[in-house]
Amino acid sequence: MLSIIASAGNPVTHAVPHRIGDEVFSVNTGGGDIPALNIYDGVYRFFVTNHLIMSLVSAIAVILVFWFVSRRVRVKGDDLSSYQTRGRFSQLFETMCSFIRDEVARPNLHGLTDKYIYYIWTIFFFVLFANVLGLIPFGSIIYMITGNPHHTHLGGTATGNLSLNLVLAMGSFIAIVFIGIRETGAKAFFSHFNPIGWDNPAMLPIGILLYFLEWLGLGIKCVVLAMRLFGTMMAGHLVIAAFIGLIYMAREVSNGLAYGVQLSVIGGGIVLTLLELFICFLQAFIFTFLTVLFISLVASHHDHEHHEEEDPFSDEGQMDLDKLISPERITPMADPAS
């Protein structure tokens, strides 16, 4: 596959977005170039790209996979075996769902976990599917069948596009604000961003400054979510592209050296692809974990109350238990010999 990409003439062709079809619409942004957002000469032009198609493919794949898994998890019958998930494929996804719920969401959201776990699962598996599908060289496979070099542009990693990641980060921002207001109330939520309060006129300038800084910090946290995912997924492909570039450099010396370097690049590419597969899972986990953590920070008051009600082994309960079994409260048993 690496040699096919190399023959396409550009070693980074599998990492950058490619237009598929004509321009859909354009928006004037006022000037400047932002290549990551497809803004050139102050104009944003919207095209259907391979990354956009892969985003749709990832969403459809999540729906179809969990539709299938749900049918394998569904209880059919009254015996004990009816409650067992059928099939190793379904058991794998059930295990991942249990891990995200019990090890990521519940330690942070506590009583709110079951209320918002469906959104958390959706984030995790969409990012995971987009990451993993990006490792499959759809374009190269189609190129081998059709022989059309333009087909090498098909496929790609959707999360290697900053636009998609910013939309995902915007969704996390909306979820944080919505859940915070819903669980703590609008007054408590907005007061959370100004710990000094609004009652003291002397501290009012500092309170206003803190208020805007806290909102800015929340926005930056969500933007960092997008930048981290974009940078990590793009970096893996660029490293592979750098390895492929060694073939071009060796070919300038001799074709024999190029074939020798190509064998080394294939071996290194396999190792890097396995490493990228691990990073696909890791980045989906990090994106989901940080989203859950930010939600728990704004819903902390409501969450803390639920946690205190549900935890029978709190510090205060342990203190009362120590008092209950203290030596002073234990009545000595009568001596049988007396």
Protein backbone atom coordinates (compact mmCIF):
# COMPACT_ATOMS: atom_id res chain seq x y z
CA MET A 1 0.00 0.00 0.00
CA LEU A 2 2.87 2.35 0.76
CA SER A 3 4.29 1.90 -2.70
CA ILE A 4 0.88 2.70 -4.20
CA ILE A 5 0.71 5.95 -2.23
CA ALA A 6 4.25 6.76 -3.26
CA SER A 7 3.40 6.23 -6.91
CA ALA A 8 0.58 8.77 -6.58
CA GLY A 9 3.25 11.48 -6.70
CA ASN A 10 2.67 13.11 -3.30
CA PRO A 11 3.55 11.34 -0.02
CA VAL A 12 1.10 13.46 2.03
CA THR A 13 -1.83 12.91 -0.32
CA HIS A 14 -3.48 10.51 2.15
CA ALA A 15 -3.32 13.02 5.03
CA VAL A 16 -4.76 16.23 3.54
CA PRO A 17 -8.42 16.80 2.51
CA HIS A 18 -9.32 16.57 -1.17
CA ARG A 19 -12.27 18.10 -2.98
CA ILE A 20 -14.85 15.76 -4.43
CA GLY A 21 -17.16 17.64 -6.77
CA ASP A 22 -17.75 21.34 -7.36
CA GLU A 23 -18.02 24.18 -4.86
CA VAL A 24 -21.28 24.12 -2.86
CA PHE A 25 -21.15 27.68 -1.42
CA SER A 26 -18.66 30.32 -0.26
CA VAL A 27 -18.49 32.83 2.64
CA ASN A 28 -16.39 36.01 2.84
CA THR A 29 -14.38 35.97 6.10
CA GLY A 30 -12.71 39.37 5.75
CA GLY A 31 -9.16 38.46 4.75
CA GLY A 32 -6.29 36.14 5.52
CA ASP A 33 -5.52 32.50 4.88
CA ILE A 34 -6.34 29.63 7.24
CA PRO A 35 -5.55 26.47 5.25
CA ALA A 36 -6.68 24.17 8.08
CA LEU A 37 -10.18 25.66 7.75
CA ASN A 38 -10.06 25.91 3.93
CA ILE A 39 -9.97 29.73 4.02
CA TYR A 40 -7.92 31.35 1.27
CA ASP A 41 -7.78 35.06 0.37
CA GLY A 42 -10.42 35.77 3.00
CA VAL A 43 -13.00 33.45 1.43
CA TYR A 44 -14.24 30.16 2.86
CA ARG A 45 -15.30 27.81 0.10
CA PHE A 46 -17.28 24.74 1.01
CA PHE A 47 -16.62 21.57 -0.96
CA VAL A 48 -17.61 17.99 -0.33
CA THR A 49 -14.29 16.44 0.67
CA ASN A 50 -13.05 12.94 1.40
CA HIS A 51 -12.97 13.81 5.12
CA LEU A 52 -16.61 14.90 5.03
CA ILE A 53 -17.57 11.63 3.37
CA MET A 54 -15.56 9.68 5.95
CA SER A 55 -17.39 11.56 8.74
CA LEU A 56 -20.67 10.35 7.26
CA VAL A 57 -19.29 6.84 6.85
CA SER A 58 -18.16 6.83 10.50
CA ALA A 59 -21.58 7.96 11.73
CA ILE A 60 -23.37 5.32 9.64
CA ALA A 61 -20.91 2.65 10.83
CA VAL A 62 -21.60 3.51 14.49
CA ILE A 63 -25.37 3.27 13.91
CA LEU A 64 -25.17 -0.04 12.05
CA VAL A 65 -22.71 -1.67 14.47
CA PHE A 66 -24.72 -0.80 17.56
CA TRP A 67 -27.98 -1.74 15.87
CA PHE A 68 -26.45 -5.18 15.38
CA VAL A 69 -25.00 -5.29 18.91
CA SER A 70 -28.32 -4.26 20.46
CA ARG A 71 -29.99 -7.25 18.83
CA ARG A 72 -27.35 -9.56 20.30
CA VAL A 73 -27.68 -8.07 23.78
CA ARG A 74 -31.47 -8.13 23.88
CA VAL A 75 -32.95 -10.66 26.32
CA LYS A 76 -34.84 -13.49 24.61
CA GLY A 77 -36.25 -16.16 26.92
CA ASP A 78 -36.39 -16.79 30.66
CA ASP A 79 -33.34 -18.96 31.29
CA LEU A 80 -29.98 -17.63 32.47
CA SER A 81 -28.31 -18.04 29.08
CA SER A 82 -30.83 -15.60 27.58
CA TYR A 83 -29.17 -12.76 29.52
CA GLN A 84 -25.73 -13.45 28.02
CA THR A 85 -24.60 -11.32 25.09
CA ARG A 86 -24.24 -13.52 22.03
CA GLY A 87 -21.11 -13.35 19.92
CA ARG A 88 -17.59 -12.15 20.65
CA PHE A 89 -18.01 -9.10 18.43
CA SER A 90 -20.98 -7.91 20.50
CA GLN A 91 -19.24 -8.81 23.75
CA LEU A 92 -16.27 -6.66 22.72
CA PHE A 93 -18.44 -3.57 22.27
CA GLU A 94 -20.39 -4.35 25.44
CA THR A 95 -17.09 -4.47 27.34
CA MET A 96 -16.01 -1.11 25.91
CA CYS A 97 -19.38 0.43 26.84
CA SER A 98 -19.07 -0.92 30.39
CA PHE A 99 -15.54 0.45 30.68
CA ILE A 100 -16.52 3.96 29.55
CA ARG A 101 -19.52 3.96 31.90
CA ASP A 102 -17.87 2.45 35.00
CA GLU A 103 -14.28 3.72 34.72
CA VAL A 104 -14.69 7.08 32.96
CA ALA A 105 -18.17 8.48 33.52
CA ARG A 106 -19.26 7.15 36.93
CA PRO A 107 -16.15 8.23 38.94
CA ASN A 108 -16.78 11.81 37.73
CA LEU A 109 -20.54 12.11 37.25
CA HIS A 110 -21.68 9.64 39.93
CA GLY A 111 -25.50 9.87 40.07
CA LEU A 112 -25.68 11.67 36.73
CA THR A 113 -23.94 8.88 34.81
CA ASP A 114 -26.97 6.96 33.58
CA LYS A 115 -28.64 10.23 32.62
CA TYR A 116 -25.94 11.32 30.16
CA ILE A 117 -24.11 8.10 29.32
CA TYR A 118 -25.70 7.89 25.86
CA TYR A 119 -24.11 11.18 24.80
CA ILE A 120 -20.76 10.07 26.24
CA TRP A 121 -20.92 6.74 24.41
CA THR A 122 -21.78 8.56 21.17
CA ILE A 123 -18.73 10.82 21.44
CA PHE A 124 -16.35 7.98 22.21
CA PHE A 125 -17.45 5.60 19.48
CA PHE A 126 -17.80 8.24 16.78
CA VAL A 127 -14.24 9.49 17.38
CA LEU A 128 -12.98 5.90 17.63
CA PHE A 129 -14.63 4.82 14.38
CA ALA A 130 -13.40 7.93 12.56
CA ASN A 131 -9.86 7.27 13.80
CA VAL A 132 -9.79 3.58 12.96
CA LEU A 133 -11.48 3.89 9.56
CA GLY A 134 -8.76 6.40 8.66
CA LEU A 135 -6.20 3.59 8.85
CA ILE A 136 -7.95 1.63 6.10
CA PRO A 137 -6.57 2.68 2.68
CA PHE A 138 -9.89 2.80 0.84
CA GLY A 139 -8.45 5.02 -1.87
CA SER A 140 -5.51 2.72 -2.56
CA ILE A 141 -7.77 -0.35 -2.68
CA ILE A 142 -10.08 1.34 -5.21
CA TYR A 143 -7.03 2.52 -7.18
CA MET A 144 -5.78 -1.07 -7.43
CA ILE A 145 -9.17 -2.08 -8.88
CA THR A 146 -9.84 0.84 -11.22
CA GLY A 147 -6.35 2.11 -12.00
CA ASN A 148 -7.56 5.72 -11.72
CA PRO A 149 -5.03 7.76 -9.66
CA HIS A 150 -7.77 10.22 -8.61
CA HIS A 151 -9.35 7.46 -6.56
CA THR A 152 -6.38 7.49 -4.18
CA HIS A 153 -7.95 10.63 -2.66
CA LEU A 154 -10.91 8.66 -1.35
CA GLY A 155 -10.88 7.68 2.31
CA GLY A 156 -8.73 9.32 4.98
CA THR A 157 -8.99 10.15 8.66
CA ALA A 158 -11.98 12.39 9.35
CA THR A 159 -10.56 13.49 12.71
CA GLY A 160 -7.42 14.64 10.88
CA ASN A 161 -9.54 17.58 9.73
CA LEU A 162 -9.69 20.54 12.11
CA SER A 163 -13.18 21.54 10.95
CA LEU A 164 -14.75 18.30 12.17
CA ASN A 165 -12.85 18.46 15.46
CA LEU A 166 -14.06 22.02 16.07
CA VAL A 167 -17.64 20.84 15.54
CA LEU A 168 -17.05 18.03 18.06
CA ALA A 169 -15.54 20.55 20.50
CA MET A 170 -18.53 22.85 19.97
CA GLY A 171 -20.80 19.92 20.84
CA SER A 172 -18.85 19.37 24.05
CA PHE A 173 -19.13 23.08 24.89
CA ILE A 174 -22.90 23.03 24.35
CA ALA A 175 -23.21 19.87 26.44
CA ILE A 176 -21.21 21.41 29.29
CA VAL A 177 -23.38 24.54 29.36
CA PHE A 178 -26.66 22.65 28.93
CA ILE A 179 -25.93 20.05 31.61
CA GLY A 180 -24.55 22.68 33.98
CA ILE A 181 -27.72 24.80 33.70
CA ARG A 182 -30.01 21.78 33.86
CA GLU A 183 -28.43 20.25 36.95
CA THR A 184 -27.51 23.32 39.01
CA GLY A 185 -29.93 25.95 37.70
CA ALA A 186 -29.13 29.00 35.59
CA LYS A 187 -28.30 31.22 38.58
CA ALA A 188 -25.93 28.73 40.20
CA PHE A 189 -24.31 27.87 36.87
CA PHE A 190 -23.49 31.44 35.89
CA SER A 191 -22.42 32.26 39.46
CA HIS A 192 -19.94 29.40 39.16
CA PHE A 193 -17.88 31.58 36.80
CA ASN A 194 -17.57 34.35 39.41
CA PRO A 195 -16.56 32.83 42.77
CA ILE A 196 -16.20 36.31 44.32
CA GLY A 197 -19.87 37.18 43.76
CA TRP A 198 -21.64 40.35 42.65
CA ASP A 199 -22.64 41.76 46.05
CA ASN A 200 -19.40 43.55 46.94
CA PRO A 201 -19.05 46.77 44.85
CA ALA A 202 -15.35 47.05 45.69
CA MET A 203 -14.64 43.61 44.20
CA LEU A 204 -16.95 44.08 41.22
CA PRO A 205 -14.17 44.91 38.67
CA ILE A 206 -12.24 41.81 39.69
CA GLY A 207 -15.44 39.74 39.58
CA ILE A 208 -16.22 40.91 36.03
CA LEU A 209 -12.65 40.12 34.95
CA LEU A 210 -12.81 36.67 36.52
CA TYR A 211 -16.18 36.05 34.92
CA PHE A 212 -14.87 36.64 31.39
CA LEU A 213 -11.63 34.78 32.11
CA GLU A 214 -13.57 31.73 33.31
CA TRP A 215 -15.71 31.72 30.17
CA LEU A 216 -12.59 32.20 28.06
CA GLY A 217 -10.94 29.32 29.88
CA LEU A 218 -13.90 27.04 29.18
CA GLY A 219 -13.80 27.96 25.49
CA ILE A 220 -10.04 27.36 25.35
CA LYS A 221 -10.47 23.95 27.00
CA CYS A 222 -12.89 22.90 24.28
CA VAL A 223 -10.68 24.30 21.50
CA VAL A 224 -7.72 22.39 22.95
CA LEU A 225 -9.82 19.21 22.70
CA ALA A 226 -10.11 19.80 18.97
CA MET A 227 -6.46 20.81 18.49
CA ARG A 228 -5.13 17.80 20.43
CA LEU A 229 -7.19 15.33 18.41
CA PHE A 230 -6.34 17.06 15.12
CA GLY A 231 -2.61 17.29 15.86
CA THR A 232 -2.22 13.73 17.04
CA MET A 233 -4.13 12.10 14.20
CA MET A 234 -2.45 14.27 11.57
CA ALA A 235 1.02 13.66 13.06
CA GLY A 236 0.81 9.90 12.62
CA HIS A 237 0.03 10.23 8.92
CA LEU A 238 2.74 12.83 8.43
CA VAL A 239 5.32 10.51 10.00
CA ILE A 240 4.35 7.81 7.52
CA ALA A 241 4.54 10.43 4.76
CA ALA A 242 8.06 11.31 5.90
CA PHE A 243 9.05 7.64 5.64
CA ILE A 244 7.60 7.48 2.13
CA GLY A 245 9.59 10.59 1.26
CA LEU A 246 12.75 8.56 1.85
CA ILE A 247 11.82 6.48 -1.19
CA TYR A 248 11.79 9.59 -3.39
CA MET A 249 15.18 10.66 -2.06
CA ALA A 250 16.66 7.22 -2.65
CA ARG A 251 15.23 7.08 -6.18
CA GLU A 252 17.25 10.18 -7.08
CA VAL A 253 20.35 8.11 -6.38
CA SER A 254 19.34 4.81 -8.00
CA ASN A 255 16.31 2.61 -8.50
CA GLY A 256 18.01 -0.28 -6.69
CA LEU A 257 18.51 1.83 -3.60
CA ALA A 258 14.91 2.97 -3.81
CA TYR A 259 13.68 -0.65 -3.76
CA GLY A 260 15.87 -1.39 -0.74
CA VAL A 261 14.62 1.67 1.12
CA GLN A 262 11.06 0.74 0.17
CA LEU A 263 11.37 -2.60 1.98
CA SER A 264 12.58 -0.80 5.10
CA VAL A 265 9.75 1.72 4.81
CA ILE A 266 7.18 -1.08 4.58
CA GLY A 267 8.53 -2.66 7.78
CA GLY A 268 8.59 0.67 9.58
CA GLY A 269 5.14 1.52 8.22
CA ILE A 270 3.67 -1.67 9.71
CA VAL A 271 5.08 -0.81 13.13
CA LEU A 272 3.86 2.78 12.89
CA THR A 273 0.40 1.62 11.80
CA LEU A 274 0.13 -0.62 14.86
CA LEU A 275 1.20 2.33 16.99
CA GLU A 276 -1.42 4.49 15.27
CA LEU A 277 -4.08 1.87 16.04
CA PHE A 278 -3.25 2.23 19.72
CA ILE A 279 -3.33 6.03 19.41
CA CYS A 280 -6.78 5.81 17.76
CA PHE A 281 -8.18 4.23 20.93
CA LEU A 282 -6.13 6.50 23.19
CA GLN A 283 -7.30 9.74 21.57
CA ALA A 284 -10.95 8.65 21.62
CA PHE A 285 -10.53 7.89 25.32
CA ILE A 286 -8.81 11.23 26.05
CA PHE A 287 -11.43 13.26 24.17
CA THR A 288 -14.24 11.48 26.03
CA PHE A 289 -12.54 11.61 29.43
CA LEU A 290 -11.85 15.34 29.25
CA THR A 291 -15.41 16.04 28.09
CA VAL A 292 -16.76 14.09 31.07
CA LEU A 293 -14.34 15.88 33.39
CA PHE A 294 -15.42 19.34 32.18
CA ILE A 295 -19.09 18.38 32.58
CA SER A 296 -18.47 17.20 36.13
CA LEU A 297 -16.82 20.53 37.02
CA VAL A 298 -19.89 22.60 36.15
CA ALA A 299 -22.33 20.06 37.64
CA SER A 300 -20.19 19.51 40.74
CA HIS A 301 -22.69 20.88 43.31
CA HIS A 302 -25.56 18.65 42.16
CA ASP A 303 -23.22 15.75 41.65
CA HIS A 304 -21.70 16.14 45.12
CA GLU A 305 -25.13 15.97 46.74
CA HIS A 306 -25.95 12.75 44.90
CA HIS A 307 -22.59 11.29 45.78
CA GLU A 308 -23.08 12.01 49.47
CA GLU A 309 -26.52 10.36 49.38
CA GLU A 310 -25.26 7.27 47.56
CA ASP A 311 -22.02 6.71 49.44
CA PRO A 312 -22.69 4.87 52.72
CA PHE A 313 -18.98 4.85 53.57
CA SER A 314 -18.35 8.61 53.67
CA ASP A 315 -15.80 10.10 56.06
CA GLU A 316 -18.55 11.28 58.40
CA GLY A 317 -20.15 7.84 58.41
CA GLN A 318 -16.79 6.28 59.24
CA MET A 319 -16.34 8.78 62.08
CA ASP A 320 -19.75 7.88 63.54
CA LEU A 321 -18.90 4.21 63.26
CA ASP A 322 -15.64 4.78 65.15
CA LYS A 323 -17.55 6.50 67.92
CA LEU A 324 -20.09 3.67 68.01
CA ILE A 325 -17.45 1.00 68.54
CA SER A 326 -15.20 3.05 70.84
CA PRO A 327 -14.07 1.27 74.04
CA GLU A 328 -16.09 3.67 76.20
CA ARG A 329 -19.36 2.55 74.54
CA ILE A 330 -18.68 -1.20 74.71
CA THR A 331 -20.33 -2.87 77.71
CA PRO A 332 -18.04 -5.56 79.14
CA MET A 333 -19.50 -9.03 79.32
CA ALA A 334 -20.15 -10.49 82.73
CA ASP A 335 -17.59 -13.00 84.01
CA PRO A 336 -19.14 -16.47 83.95
CA ALA A 337 -17.11 -17.47 87.00
CA SER A 338 -18.54 -14.66 89.15
